[in-house]
PDB file of N, CA and C in Angstrom:
ATOM      1  N   MET A   1     -11.235  -6.356   1.947  1.00  0.00           N
ATOM      2  CA  MET A   1     -10.056  -5.687   1.637  1.00  0.00           C
ATOM      3  C   MET A   1      -9.662  -4.863   2.804  1.00  0.00           C
ATOM      4  N   VAL A   2     -10.559  -4.311   3.486  1.00  0.00           N
ATOM      5  CA  VAL A   2     -10.112  -3.361   4.610  1.00  0.00           C
ATOM      6  C   VAL A   2      -9.139  -3.931   5.655  1.00  0.00           C
ATOM      7  N   GLY A   3      -9.352  -5.163   5.818  1.00  0.00           N
ATOM      8  CA  GLY A   3      -8.256  -5.984   6.686  1.00  0.00           C
ATOM      9  C   GLY A   3      -7.042  -5.942   5.999  1.00  0.00           C
ATOM     10  N   VAL A   4      -6.870  -5.883   4.805  1.00  0.00           N
ATOM     11  CA  VAL A   4      -5.502  -5.860   4.097  1.00  0.00           C
ATOM     12  C   VAL A   4      -4.937  -4.541   4.379  1.00  0.00           C
ATOM     13  N   LEU A   5      -5.578  -3.595   4.226  1.00  0.00           N
ATOM     14  CA  LEU A   5      -5.190  -2.113   4.398  1.00  0.00           C
ATOM     15  C   LEU A   5      -4.748  -1.932   5.806  1.00  0.00           C
ATOM     16  N   ALA A   6      -5.568  -2.485   6.767  1.00  0.00           N
ATOM     17  CA  ALA A   6      -5.087  -2.423   8.226  1.00  0.00           C
ATOM     18  C   ALA A   6      -3.932  -3.094   8.383  1.00  0.00           C
ATOM     19  N   THR A   7      -3.881  -4.245   7.969  1.00  0.00           N
ATOM     20  CA  THR A   7      -2.645  -5.087   8.027  1.00  0.00           C
ATOM     21  C   THR A   7      -1.310  -4.366   7.545  1.00  0.00           C
ATOM     22  N   LEU A   8      -1.557  -3.723   6.243  1.00  0.00           N
ATOM     23  CA  LEU A   8      -0.331  -3.004   5.886  1.00  0.00           C
ATOM     24  C   LEU A   8       0.063  -1.868   6.594  1.00  0.00           C
ATOM     25  N   ALA A   9      -0.903  -1.139   7.123  1.00  0.00           N
ATOM     26  CA  ALA A   9      -0.614   0.007   8.145  1.00  0.00           C
ATOM     27  C   ALA A   9       0.124  -0.511   9.252  1.00  0.00           C
ATOM     28  N   GLU A  10      -0.254  -1.528   9.808  1.00  0.00           N
ATOM     29  CA  GLU A  10       0.475  -2.128  11.033  1.00  0.00           C
ATOM     30  C   GLU A  10       1.830  -2.667  10.598  1.00  0.00           C
ATOM     31  N   ARG A  11       1.952  -3.379   9.434  1.00  0.00           N
ATOM     32  CA  ARG A  11       3.124  -3.868   8.953  1.00  0.00           C
ATOM     33  C   ARG A  11       4.268  -2.687   8.709  1.00  0.00           C
ATOM     34  N   TYR A  12       3.881  -1.404   8.334  1.00  0.00           N
ATOM     35  CA  TYR A  12       4.688  -0.285   8.049  1.00  0.00           C
ATOM     36  C   TYR A  12       4.577   0.593   9.186  1.00  0.00           C
ATOM     37  N   SER A  13       4.211   0.302  10.370  1.00  0.00           N
ATOM     38  CA  SER A  13       3.980   1.316  11.516  1.00  0.00           C
ATOM     39  C   SER A  13       5.256   2.110  11.825  1.00  0.00           C
ATOM     40  N   ASN A  14       6.421   1.548  11.487  1.00  0.00           N
ATOM     41  CA  ASN A  14       7.589   2.136  11.788  1.00  0.00           C
ATOM     42  C   ASN A  14       7.892   3.269  10.848  1.00  0.00           C
ATOM     43  N   GLN A  15       7.091   3.440   9.719  1.00  0.00           N
ATOM     44  CA  GLN A  15       7.141   4.660   8.760  1.00  0.00           C
ATOM     45  C   GLN A  15       6.006   5.569   9.086  1.00  0.00           C
ATOM     46  N   PRO A  16       5.822   6.699   8.675  1.00  0.00           N
ATOM     47  CA  PRO A  16       4.768   7.749   8.750  1.00  0.00           C
ATOM     48  C   PRO A  16       3.670   7.003   7.937  1.00  0.00           C
ATOM     49  N   VAL A  17       2.514   6.788   8.681  1.00  0.00           N
ATOM     50  CA  VAL A  17       1.276   6.188   7.940  1.00  0.00           C
ATOM     51  C   VAL A  17       0.302   7.066   8.228  1.00  0.00           C
ATOM     52  N   ASN A  18      -0.405   7.479   7.134  1.00  0.00           N
ATOM     53  CA  ASN A  18      -1.725   8.327   7.292  1.00  0.00           C
ATOM     54  C   ASN A  18      -2.879   7.368   6.801  1.00  0.00           C
ATOM     55  N   THR A  19      -3.805   7.177   7.667  1.00  0.00           N
ATOM     56  CA  THR A  19      -5.067   6.361   7.314  1.00  0.00           C
ATOM     57  C   THR A  19      -6.345   7.238   6.964  1.00  0.00           C
ATOM     58  N   THR A  20      -6.061   8.646   6.753  1.00  0.00           N
ATOM     59  CA  THR A  20      -7.387   9.505   6.390  1.00  0.00           C
ATOM     60  C   THR A  20      -8.340   8.949   5.318  1.00  0.00           C
ATOM     61  N   ASP A  21      -7.512   8.637   4.266  1.00  0.00           N
ATOM     62  CA  ASP A  21      -8.395   8.141   3.040  1.00  0.00           C
ATOM     63  C   ASP A  21      -7.538   6.842   2.468  1.00  0.00           C
ATOM     64  N   GLY A  22      -7.787   5.763   3.033  1.00  0.00           N
ATOM     65  CA  GLY A  22      -7.022   4.693   2.630  1.00  0.00           C
ATOM     66  C   GLY A  22      -5.722   4.596   3.648  1.00  0.00           C
ATOM     67  N   VAL A  23      -4.701   4.181   2.918  1.00  0.00           N
ATOM     68  CA  VAL A  23      -3.360   3.888   3.654  1.00  0.00           C
ATOM     69  C   VAL A  23      -2.421   4.736   2.980  1.00  0.00           C
ATOM     70  N   LYS A  24      -1.716   5.635   3.390  1.00  0.00           N
ATOM     71  CA  LYS A  24      -0.564   6.375   2.691  1.00  0.00           C
ATOM     72  C   LYS A  24       0.691   6.069   3.541  1.00  0.00           C
ATOM     73  N   ILE A  25       1.593   5.468   3.081  1.00  0.00           N
ATOM     74  CA  ILE A  25       2.889   5.096   3.806  1.00  0.00           C
ATOM     75  C   ILE A  25       4.111   5.960   3.133  1.00  0.00           C
ATOM     76  N   SER A  26       4.621   6.820   3.929  1.00  0.00           N
ATOM     77  CA  SER A  26       5.713   7.805   3.538  1.00  0.00           C
ATOM     78  C   SER A  26       7.110   7.010   3.909  1.00  0.00           C
ATOM     79  N   PHE A  27       8.005   7.257   2.929  1.00  0.00           N
ATOM     80  CA  PHE A  27       9.371   6.675   3.148  1.00  0.00           C
ATOM     81  C   PHE A  27      10.225   7.884   2.857  1.00  0.00           C
ATOM     82  N   ASP A  28      11.530   7.756   2.916  1.00  0.00           N
ATOM     83  CA  ASP A  28      12.423   9.065   2.881  1.00  0.00           C
ATOM     84  C   ASP A  28      12.200   9.966   1.661  1.00  0.00           C
ATOM     85  N   ARG A  29      12.213   9.425   0.449  1.00  0.00           N
ATOM     86  CA  ARG A  29      12.004  10.263  -0.600  1.00  0.00           C
ATOM     87  C   ARG A  29      10.905   9.739  -1.576  1.00  0.00           C
ATOM     88  N   GLU A  30       9.903   8.790  -1.056  1.00  0.00           N
ATOM     89  CA  GLU A  30       8.892   8.248  -1.809  1.00  0.00           C
ATOM     90  C   GLU A  30       7.894   7.965  -1.098  1.00  0.00           C
ATOM     91  N   TRP A  31       6.496   7.890  -1.517  1.00  0.00           N
ATOM     92  CA  TRP A  31       5.458   7.294  -0.818  1.00  0.00           C
ATOM     93  C   TRP A  31       4.546   6.557  -1.536  1.00  0.00           C
ATOM     94  N   VAL A  32       3.745   5.708  -0.870  1.00  0.00           N
ATOM     95  CA  VAL A  32       2.599   4.962  -1.658  1.00  0.00           C
ATOM     96  C   VAL A  32       1.276   4.946  -1.044  1.00  0.00           C
ATOM     97  N   HIS A  33       0.299   5.288  -1.867  1.00  0.00           N
ATOM     98  CA  HIS A  33      -1.024   5.325  -1.364  1.00  0.00           C
ATOM     99  C   HIS A  33      -1.880   4.287  -1.733  1.00  0.00           C
ATOM    100  N   LEU A  34      -2.687   3.537  -0.925  1.00  0.00           N
ATOM    101  CA  LEU A  34      -3.381   2.381  -1.292  1.00  0.00           C
ATOM    102  C   LEU A  34      -4.843   2.669  -0.767  1.00  0.00           C
ATOM    103  N   ARG A  35      -5.888   2.562  -1.684  1.00  0.00           N
ATOM    104  CA  ARG A  35      -7.189   2.889  -1.258  1.00  0.00           C
ATOM    105  C   ARG A  35      -8.212   1.842  -1.926  1.00  0.00           C
ATOM    106  N   LYS A  36      -9.034   1.440  -1.066  1.00  0.00           N
ATOM    107  CA  LYS A  36     -10.114   0.510  -1.525  1.00  0.00           C
ATOM    108  C   LYS A  36     -11.120   1.151  -2.288  1.00  0.00           C
ATOM    109  N   SER A  37     -11.613   0.544  -3.476  1.00  0.00           N
ATOM    110  CA  SER A  37     -12.554   1.059  -4.266  1.00  0.00           C
ATOM    111  C   SER A  37     -13.799   0.613  -3.751  1.00  0.00           C
ATOM    112  N   TYR A  38     -14.713   1.586  -3.761  1.00  0.00           N
ATOM    113  CA  TYR A  38     -16.155   1.245  -3.322  1.00  0.00           C
ATOM    114  C   TYR A  38     -17.071   0.932  -4.373  1.00  0.00           C
ATOM    115  N   THR A  39     -16.591   0.828  -5.596  1.00  0.00           N
ATOM    116  CA  THR A  39     -17.277   0.395  -6.749  1.00  0.00           C
ATOM    117  C   THR A  39     -16.834  -0.812  -7.571  1.00  0.00           C
ATOM    118  N   GLU A  40     -15.599  -1.284  -7.163  1.00  0.00           N
ATOM    119  CA  GLU A  40     -14.971  -2.433  -7.650  1.00  0.00           C
ATOM    120  C   GLU A  40     -14.191  -3.116  -6.599  1.00  0.00           C
ATOM    121  N   PRO A  41     -14.098  -4.410  -6.708  1.00  0.00           N
ATOM    122  CA  PRO A  41     -13.385  -5.308  -5.845  1.00  0.00           C
ATOM    123  C   PRO A  41     -11.807  -5.070  -5.969  1.00  0.00           C
ATOM    124  N   ILE A  42     -11.195  -4.071  -5.927  1.00  0.00           N
ATOM    125  CA  ILE A  42      -9.884  -3.738  -6.070  1.00  0.00           C
ATOM    126  C   ILE A  42      -9.219  -2.611  -5.001  1.00  0.00           C
ATOM    127  N   ILE A  43      -7.808  -2.754  -4.995  1.00  0.00           N
ATOM    128  CA  ILE A  43      -7.259  -1.664  -4.206  1.00  0.00           C
ATOM    129  C   ILE A  43      -6.559  -0.915  -5.173  1.00  0.00           C
ATOM    130  N   ARG A  44      -6.710   0.385  -5.224  1.00  0.00           N
ATOM    131  CA  ARG A  44      -5.858   1.280  -6.110  1.00  0.00           C
ATOM    132  C   ARG A  44      -4.409   1.614  -5.430  1.00  0.00           C
ATOM    133  N   ILE A  45      -3.480   1.580  -6.079  1.00  0.00           N
ATOM    134  CA  ILE A  45      -2.212   1.948  -5.670  1.00  0.00           C
ATOM    135  C   ILE A  45      -1.520   3.056  -6.276  1.00  0.00           C
ATOM    136  N   ILE A  46      -1.135   4.073  -5.723  1.00  0.00           N
ATOM    137  CA  ILE A  46      -0.495   5.237  -6.332  1.00  0.00           C
ATOM    138  C   ILE A  46       0.918   5.318  -5.553  1.00  0.00           C
ATOM    139  N   ALA A  47       1.980   5.402  -6.334  1.00  0.00           N
ATOM    140  CA  ALA A  47       3.281   5.479  -5.886  1.00  0.00           C
ATOM    141  C   ALA A  47       4.087   6.562  -6.425  1.00  0.00           C
ATOM    142  N   GLU A  48       4.799   7.349  -5.654  1.00  0.00           N
ATOM    143  CA  GLU A  48       5.490   8.385  -6.143  1.00  0.00           C
ATOM    144  C   GLU A  48       7.008   8.406  -5.627  1.00  0.00           C
ATOM    145  N   SER A  49       7.978   8.576  -6.581  1.00  0.00           N
ATOM    146  CA  SER A  49       9.294   8.411  -6.066  1.00  0.00           C
ATOM    147  C   SER A  49       9.954   9.367  -7.105  1.00  0.00           C
ATOM    148  N   ASN A  50      11.360   9.431  -7.039  1.00  0.00           N
ATOM    149  CA  ASN A  50      12.196  10.282  -7.931  1.00  0.00           C
ATOM    150  C   ASN A  50      12.451   9.670  -9.343  1.00  0.00           C
ATOM    151  N   SER A  51      11.919   8.431  -9.605  1.00  0.00           N
ATOM    152  CA  SER A  51      12.218   7.821 -10.888  1.00  0.00           C
ATOM    153  C   SER A  51      10.906   6.956 -11.113  1.00  0.00           C
ATOM    154  N   HIS A  52      10.589   6.871 -12.372  1.00  0.00           N
ATOM    155  CA  HIS A  52       9.465   5.834 -12.696  1.00  0.00           C
ATOM    156  C   HIS A  52       9.775   4.463 -12.211  1.00  0.00           C
ATOM    157  N   ALA A  53      11.039   3.845 -12.235  1.00  0.00           N
ATOM    158  CA  ALA A  53      11.531   2.617 -11.895  1.00  0.00           C
ATOM    159  C   ALA A  53      11.336   2.460 -10.522  1.00  0.00           C
ATOM    160  N   SER A  54      11.829   3.515  -9.578  1.00  0.00           N
ATOM    161  CA  SER A  54      11.470   3.376  -8.238  1.00  0.00           C
ATOM    162  C   SER A  54      10.180   3.349  -7.879  1.00  0.00           C
ATOM    163  N   ALA A  55       9.372   4.149  -8.384  1.00  0.00           N
ATOM    164  CA  ALA A  55       7.814   4.127  -8.169  1.00  0.00           C
ATOM    165  C   ALA A  55       7.241   2.682  -8.577  1.00  0.00           C
ATOM    166  N   ASP A  56       7.661   2.176  -9.553  1.00  0.00           N
ATOM    167  CA  ASP A  56       7.186   0.749  -9.986  1.00  0.00           C
ATOM    168  C   ASP A  56       7.562  -0.196  -8.981  1.00  0.00           C
ATOM    169  N   HIS A  57       8.822  -0.166  -8.435  1.00  0.00           N
ATOM    170  CA  HIS A  57       9.440  -1.019  -7.560  1.00  0.00           C
ATOM    171  C   HIS A  57       8.661  -0.874  -6.291  1.00  0.00           C
ATOM    172  N   LEU A  58       8.286   0.292  -5.791  1.00  0.00           N
ATOM    173  CA  LEU A  58       7.555   0.402  -4.554  1.00  0.00           C
ATOM    174  C   LEU A  58       6.158  -0.231  -4.663  1.00  0.00           C
ATOM    175  N   ALA A  59       5.588   0.286  -5.775  1.00  0.00           N
ATOM    176  CA  ALA A  59       4.217  -0.379  -5.963  1.00  0.00           C
ATOM    177  C   ALA A  59       4.068  -1.914  -6.101  1.00  0.00           C
ATOM    178  N   ASN A  60       5.110  -2.461  -6.746  1.00  0.00           N
ATOM    179  CA  ASN A  60       5.163  -3.935  -6.892  1.00  0.00           C
ATOM    180  C   ASN A  60       5.452  -4.475  -5.439  1.00  0.00           C
ATOM    181  N   LYS A  61       6.345  -3.877  -4.665  1.00  0.00           N
ATOM    182  CA  LYS A  61       6.594  -4.364  -3.345  1.00  0.00           C
ATOM    183  C   LYS A  61       5.238  -4.391  -2.456  1.00  0.00           C
ATOM    184  N   LEU A  62       4.345  -3.373  -2.706  1.00  0.00           N
ATOM    185  CA  LEU A  62       3.268  -3.508  -2.041  1.00  0.00           C
ATOM    186  C   LEU A  62       2.225  -4.465  -2.491  1.00  0.00           C
ATOM    187  N   ILE A  63       2.203  -4.724  -3.810  1.00  0.00           N
ATOM    188  CA  ILE A  63       1.455  -5.791  -4.488  1.00  0.00           C
ATOM    189  C   ILE A  63       1.874  -7.139  -3.986  1.00  0.00           C
ATOM    190  N   THR A  64       3.198  -7.247  -3.755  1.00  0.00           N
ATOM    191  CA  THR A  64       3.705  -8.692  -3.108  1.00  0.00           C
ATOM    192  C   THR A  64       3.246  -8.785  -1.758  1.00  0.00           C
ATOM    193  N   ASP A  65       3.138  -7.683  -0.920  1.00  0.00           N
ATOM    194  CA  ASP A  65       2.714  -7.788   0.368  1.00  0.00           C
ATOM    195  C   ASP A  65       1.412  -8.034   0.475  1.00  0.00           C
ATOM    196  N   ILE A  66       0.423  -7.441  -0.471  1.00  0.00           N
ATOM    197  CA  ILE A  66      -1.003  -7.672  -0.502  1.00  0.00           C
ATOM    198  C   ILE A  66      -1.185  -9.216  -0.842  1.00  0.00           C
ATOM    199  N   ARG A  67      -0.520  -9.729  -1.813  1.00  0.00           N
ATOM    200  CA  ARG A  67      -0.638 -11.206  -1.984  1.00  0.00           C
ATOM    201  C   ARG A  67      -0.377 -12.094  -0.948  1.00  0.00           C
ATOM    202  N   GLU A  68       0.647 -11.609  -0.309  1.00  0.00           N
ATOM    203  CA  GLU A  68       1.197 -12.445   0.872  1.00  0.00           C
ATOM    204  C   GLU A  68       0.041 -12.506   2.052  1.00  0.00           C
ATOM    205  N   ILE A  69      -0.602 -11.364   2.297  1.00  0.00           N
ATOM    206  CA  ILE A  69      -1.539 -11.050   3.384  1.00  0.00           C
ATOM    207  C   ILE A  69      -2.732 -11.904   2.971  1.00  0.00           C
ATOM    208  N   ILE A  70      -3.131 -11.901   1.676  1.00  0.00           N
ATOM    209  CA  ILE A  70      -4.268 -12.698   1.175  1.00  0.00           C
ATOM    210  C   ILE A  70      -4.275 -14.135   1.366  1.00  0.00           C
ATOM    211  N   ASN A  71      -2.938 -14.566   0.928  1.00  0.00           N
ATOM    212  CA  ASN A  71      -2.624 -15.880   1.009  1.00  0.00           C
ATOM    213  C   ASN A  71      -2.548 -16.566   2.514  1.00  0.00           C
ATOM    214  N   THR A  72      -2.133 -15.635   3.312  1.00  0.00           N
ATOM    215  CA  THR A  72      -1.937 -16.052   4.739  1.00  0.00           C
ATOM    216  C   THR A  72      -3.390 -16.184   5.414  1.00  0.00           C
ATOM    217  N   ASN A  73      -4.149 -15.245   4.851  1.00  0.00           N
ATOM    218  CA  ASN A  73      -5.544 -15.253   5.454  1.00  0.00           C
ATOM    219  C   ASN A  73      -6.588 -16.139   4.759  1.00  0.00           C
ATOM    220  N   SER A  74      -6.226 -16.897   3.685  1.00  0.00           N
ATOM    221  CA  SER A  74      -7.016 -17.828   2.991  1.00  0.00           C
ATOM    222  C   SER A  74      -7.093 -19.114   3.705  1.00  0.00           C
TER     223      SER A  74
END
């Protein structure tokens, strides 16, 4: 899964990306943080925006990106 996070950081490199603890991608008025779990085979996704719907949309966009990366690497 670490490869997935590195790929996402590269894919969104035109945005401010912080890789201190996972990958945090900042956009104009919202951000998303992705972090590999060390106890479960999952990536935790936290999204913040000015509305619940926008945060859900952002999180779902990253889920789609993750699936695409996994399917491409399979």
